[in-house]
Amino acid sequence: MNFAIISLGSNIEPEKNIRKSKAILSAEFRVLRETVPVKTKPMEFKQQPDFINMAILVETRKTLQELNKKLKETEKLLGRIKTENKAGPRTIDLDAVVWNLELKDRHVLEWPFLKASVKELLPELLNKTGKQAPNWAKQI
């Protein structure tokens, strides 16, 4: 069995798109825990609406590649259009940020809302400095 933390973010009809993406993912994966959605300011491209962000911890038999494929399919289903501005507005953004206790996204350590989500879902993964704990595998 594999475990992943999936980040969810939206700033185009965010409540609706977060709710729909959670429903789709819940039908596909066993959701173990989820964070409370939080309103956040855009991190890179500032001239756009605020985001709603959250994360879920899931259990799956899928591989990381299969999980990522499902996330991209879900984004497309909910109207995500990829543009040259990778930090621009989006209906939904879904990313596997942790896979089997391994950080998969550098933003986990850089973006406060993402770090807080990972700490909430798997507090033993990050040490007090916010960096990946060297002995995290033994702690779980």
C-alpha atoms as a PDB file:
ATOM      1  CA  MET A   1       0.000   0.000   0.000  1.00  0.00           C
ATOM      2  CA  ASN A   2       1.201   3.525  -0.793  1.00  0.00           C
ATOM      3  CA  PHE A   3       0.516   6.796   0.975  1.00  0.00           C
ATOM      4  CA  ALA A   4       0.473  10.296  -0.494  1.00  0.00           C
ATOM      5  CA  ILE A   5      -0.296  13.830   0.528  1.00  0.00           C
ATOM      6  CA  ILE A   6      -2.124  15.615  -2.259  1.00  0.00           C
ATOM      7  CA  SER A   7      -2.312  19.398  -2.235  1.00  0.00           C
ATOM      8  CA  LEU A   8      -5.452  21.011  -3.641  1.00  0.00           C
ATOM      9  CA  GLY A   9      -5.604  24.648  -4.666  1.00  0.00           C
ATOM     10  CA  SER A  10      -8.005  26.835  -6.622  1.00  0.00           C
ATOM     11  CA  ASN A  11      -8.710  30.496  -7.244  1.00  0.00           C
ATOM     12  CA  ILE A  12     -11.452  30.151  -9.863  1.00  0.00           C
ATOM     13  CA  GLU A  13     -14.707  29.232  -8.094  1.00  0.00           C
ATOM     14  CA  PRO A  14     -12.484  27.713  -5.404  1.00  0.00           C
ATOM     15  CA  GLU A  15     -15.122  26.342  -3.023  1.00  0.00           C
ATOM     16  CA  LYS A  16     -16.889  24.499  -5.838  1.00  0.00           C
ATOM     17  CA  ASN A  17     -13.710  23.180  -7.454  1.00  0.00           C
ATOM     18  CA  ILE A  18     -12.123  22.054  -4.178  1.00  0.00           C
ATOM     19  CA  ARG A  19     -15.369  20.247  -3.259  1.00  0.00           C
ATOM     20  CA  LYS A  20     -15.615  18.559  -6.679  1.00  0.00           C
ATOM     21  CA  SER A  21     -11.969  17.494  -6.707  1.00  0.00           C
ATOM     22  CA  LYS A  22     -12.281  16.042  -3.188  1.00  0.00           C
ATOM     23  CA  ALA A  23     -15.330  14.037  -4.310  1.00  0.00           C
ATOM     24  CA  ILE A  24     -13.494  12.660  -7.349  1.00  0.00           C
ATOM     25  CA  LEU A  25     -10.373  11.795  -5.348  1.00  0.00           C
ATOM     26  CA  SER A  26     -12.421  10.251  -2.518  1.00  0.00           C
ATOM     27  CA  ALA A  27     -14.027   7.898  -5.032  1.00  0.00           C
ATOM     28  CA  GLU A  28     -10.588   6.840  -6.290  1.00  0.00           C
ATOM     29  CA  PHE A  29      -8.485   6.771  -3.103  1.00  0.00           C
ATOM     30  CA  ARG A  30      -9.021   6.075   0.582  1.00  0.00           C
ATOM     31  CA  VAL A  31      -8.799   9.477   2.278  1.00  0.00           C
ATOM     32  CA  LEU A  32      -7.240   9.067   5.728  1.00  0.00           C
ATOM     33  CA  ARG A  33      -7.119  12.713   6.814  1.00  0.00           C
ATOM     34  CA  GLU A  34      -7.620  16.178   5.418  1.00  0.00           C
ATOM     35  CA  THR A  35      -6.699  19.689   6.428  1.00  0.00           C
ATOM     36  CA  VAL A  36      -9.098  22.563   6.816  1.00  0.00           C
ATOM     37  CA  PRO A  37      -9.219  24.705   3.653  1.00  0.00           C
ATOM     38  CA  VAL A  38      -7.387  28.025   4.054  1.00  0.00           C
ATOM     39  CA  LYS A  39      -7.484  31.239   2.041  1.00  0.00           C
ATOM     40  CA  THR A  40      -4.015  32.239   0.835  1.00  0.00           C
ATOM     41  CA  LYS A  41      -2.476  35.019  -1.197  1.00  0.00           C
ATOM     42  CA  PRO A  42      -0.916  34.088  -4.556  1.00  0.00           C
ATOM     43  CA  MET A  43       2.727  33.068  -4.085  1.00  0.00           C
ATOM     44  CA  GLU A  44       4.325  34.006  -7.407  1.00  0.00           C
ATOM     45  CA  PHE A  45       2.023  35.829  -9.834  1.00  0.00           C
ATOM     46  CA  LYS A  46       0.351  38.383  -7.536  1.00  0.00           C
ATOM     47  CA  GLN A  47      -2.218  39.932  -9.949  1.00  0.00           C
ATOM     48  CA  GLN A  48      -4.928  37.309  -9.457  1.00  0.00           C
ATOM     49  CA  PRO A  49      -7.586  36.307  -6.905  1.00  0.00           C
ATOM     50  CA  ASP A  50      -6.664  34.665  -3.606  1.00  0.00           C
ATOM     51  CA  PHE A  51      -6.523  30.878  -3.443  1.00  0.00           C
ATOM     52  CA  ILE A  52      -8.236  28.291  -1.309  1.00  0.00           C
ATOM     53  CA  ASN A  53      -5.697  25.584  -0.417  1.00  0.00           C
ATOM     54  CA  MET A  54      -5.862  22.343   1.512  1.00  0.00           C
ATOM     55  CA  ALA A  55      -4.333  18.876   1.485  1.00  0.00           C
ATOM     56  CA  ILE A  56      -5.452  15.291   1.914  1.00  0.00           C
ATOM     57  CA  LEU A  57      -3.582  12.192   3.045  1.00  0.00           C
ATOM     58  CA  VAL A  58      -4.591   9.193   0.938  1.00  0.00           C
ATOM     59  CA  GLU A  59      -3.880   5.492   0.785  1.00  0.00           C
ATOM     60  CA  THR A  60      -3.652   3.872  -2.639  1.00  0.00           C
ATOM     61  CA  ARG A  61      -2.488   0.793  -4.505  1.00  0.00           C
ATOM     62  CA  LYS A  62      -1.560   2.988  -7.465  1.00  0.00           C
ATOM     63  CA  THR A  63       2.018   3.865  -8.324  1.00  0.00           C
ATOM     64  CA  LEU A  64       3.183   7.472  -8.135  1.00  0.00           C
ATOM     65  CA  GLN A  65       2.954   7.699 -11.927  1.00  0.00           C
ATOM     66  CA  GLU A  66      -0.629   6.390 -11.888  1.00  0.00           C
ATOM     67  CA  LEU A  67      -1.531   8.797  -9.089  1.00  0.00           C
ATOM     68  CA  ASN A  68      -0.076  11.764 -10.975  1.00  0.00           C
ATOM     69  CA  LYS A  69      -1.969  10.717 -14.105  1.00  0.00           C
ATOM     70  CA  LYS A  70      -5.236  10.645 -12.128  1.00  0.00           C
ATOM     71  CA  LEU A  71      -4.488  14.087 -10.671  1.00  0.00           C
ATOM     72  CA  LYS A  72      -3.888  15.569 -14.139  1.00  0.00           C
ATOM     73  CA  GLU A  73      -7.055  13.883 -15.482  1.00  0.00           C
ATOM     74  CA  THR A  74      -9.029  15.393 -12.605  1.00  0.00           C
ATOM     75  CA  GLU A  75      -7.579  18.849 -13.289  1.00  0.00           C
ATOM     76  CA  LYS A  76      -8.591  18.556 -16.936  1.00  0.00           C
ATOM     77  CA  LEU A  77     -12.074  17.286 -16.029  1.00  0.00           C
ATOM     78  CA  LEU A  78     -12.578  20.360 -13.829  1.00  0.00           C
ATOM     79  CA  GLY A  79     -11.531  22.741 -16.600  1.00  0.00           C
ATOM     80  CA  ARG A  80      -7.869  23.385 -15.820  1.00  0.00           C
ATOM     81  CA  ILE A  81      -6.199  25.025 -18.781  1.00  0.00           C
ATOM     82  CA  LYS A  82      -2.407  25.074 -18.761  1.00  0.00           C
ATOM     83  CA  THR A  83      -0.988  28.413 -19.908  1.00  0.00           C
ATOM     84  CA  GLU A  84       2.483  29.906 -20.195  1.00  0.00           C
ATOM     85  CA  ASN A  85       1.942  31.507 -16.781  1.00  0.00           C
ATOM     86  CA  LYS A  86       2.372  28.438 -14.568  1.00  0.00           C
ATOM     87  CA  ALA A  87       1.500  30.510 -11.484  1.00  0.00           C
ATOM     88  CA  GLY A  88      -1.650  32.043 -12.962  1.00  0.00           C
ATOM     89  CA  PRO A  89      -5.307  31.490 -12.078  1.00  0.00           C
ATOM     90  CA  ARG A  90      -6.615  27.938 -12.152  1.00  0.00           C
ATOM     91  CA  THR A  91      -9.816  26.010 -11.566  1.00  0.00           C
ATOM     92  CA  ILE A  92      -7.875  23.372  -9.644  1.00  0.00           C
ATOM     93  CA  ASP A  93      -4.258  22.454  -8.995  1.00  0.00           C
ATOM     94  CA  LEU A  94      -3.568  18.958  -7.675  1.00  0.00           C
ATOM     95  CA  ASP A  95      -0.080  17.781  -6.747  1.00  0.00           C
ATOM     96  CA  ALA A  96       1.325  14.777  -4.915  1.00  0.00           C
ATOM     97  CA  VAL A  97       3.674  16.633  -2.567  1.00  0.00           C
ATOM     98  CA  VAL A  98       4.605  13.636  -0.390  1.00  0.00           C
ATOM     99  CA  TRP A  99       4.856  10.034  -1.557  1.00  0.00           C
ATOM    100  CA  ASN A 100       5.536   7.244   0.942  1.00  0.00           C
ATOM    101  CA  LEU A 101       7.122   9.718   3.364  1.00  0.00           C
ATOM    102  CA  GLU A 102       9.331  11.317   0.710  1.00  0.00           C
ATOM    103  CA  LEU A 103       8.942  14.992  -0.159  1.00  0.00           C
ATOM    104  CA  LYS A 104       8.146  15.311  -3.856  1.00  0.00           C
ATOM    105  CA  ASP A 105       7.696  19.073  -4.108  1.00  0.00           C
ATOM    106  CA  ARG A 106      10.285  21.670  -3.069  1.00  0.00           C
ATOM    107  CA  HIS A 107       7.462  24.084  -2.248  1.00  0.00           C
ATOM    108  CA  VAL A 108       6.624  22.046   0.873  1.00  0.00           C
ATOM    109  CA  LEU A 109       9.575  23.694   2.603  1.00  0.00           C
ATOM    110  CA  GLU A 110       9.055  27.125   0.976  1.00  0.00           C
ATOM    111  CA  TRP A 111       5.339  27.903   1.053  1.00  0.00           C
ATOM    112  CA  PRO A 112       3.885  28.350   4.569  1.00  0.00           C
ATOM    113  CA  PHE A 113       0.424  26.951   3.784  1.00  0.00           C
ATOM    114  CA  LEU A 114       1.898  23.810   2.217  1.00  0.00           C
ATOM    115  CA  LYS A 115       4.369  23.256   5.042  1.00  0.00           C
ATOM    116  CA  ALA A 116       1.545  23.699   7.563  1.00  0.00           C
ATOM    117  CA  SER A 117      -0.605  21.160   5.703  1.00  0.00           C
ATOM    118  CA  VAL A 118       2.145  18.533   5.679  1.00  0.00           C
ATOM    119  CA  LYS A 119       2.901  19.177   9.353  1.00  0.00           C
ATOM    120  CA  GLU A 120      -0.788  18.788  10.184  1.00  0.00           C
ATOM    121  CA  LEU A 121      -1.208  15.538   8.246  1.00  0.00           C
ATOM    122  CA  LEU A 122       2.180  13.957   9.056  1.00  0.00           C
ATOM    123  CA  PRO A 123       3.825  15.929  11.873  1.00  0.00           C
ATOM    124  CA  GLU A 124       6.584  13.359  12.250  1.00  0.00           C
ATOM    125  CA  LEU A 125       7.766  13.971   8.669  1.00  0.00           C
ATOM    126  CA  LEU A 126       9.165  17.439   9.324  1.00  0.00           C
ATOM    127  CA  ASN A 127      11.442  18.333  12.220  1.00  0.00           C
ATOM    128  CA  LYS A 128      11.131  21.526  14.254  1.00  0.00           C
ATOM    129  CA  THR A 129      13.184  23.558  11.777  1.00  0.00           C
ATOM    130  CA  GLY A 130      10.736  22.661   9.014  1.00  0.00           C
ATOM    131  CA  LYS A 131      13.240  20.577   7.090  1.00  0.00           C
ATOM    132  CA  GLN A 132      12.796  16.943   6.252  1.00  0.00           C
ATOM    133  CA  ALA A 133      13.784  15.022   9.372  1.00  0.00           C
ATOM    134  CA  PRO A 134      16.785  12.773   8.755  1.00  0.00           C
ATOM    135  CA  ASN A 135      15.283   9.880  10.687  1.00  0.00           C
ATOM    136  CA  TRP A 136      11.667  10.293   9.591  1.00  0.00           C
ATOM    137  CA  ALA A 137      11.423   6.779   8.176  1.00  0.00           C
ATOM    138  CA  LYS A 138      12.145   5.269  11.583  1.00  0.00           C
ATOM    139  CA  GLN A 139       9.658   7.507  13.357  1.00  0.00           C
ATOM    140  CA  ILE A 140       6.580   6.198  11.552  1.00  0.00           C
END
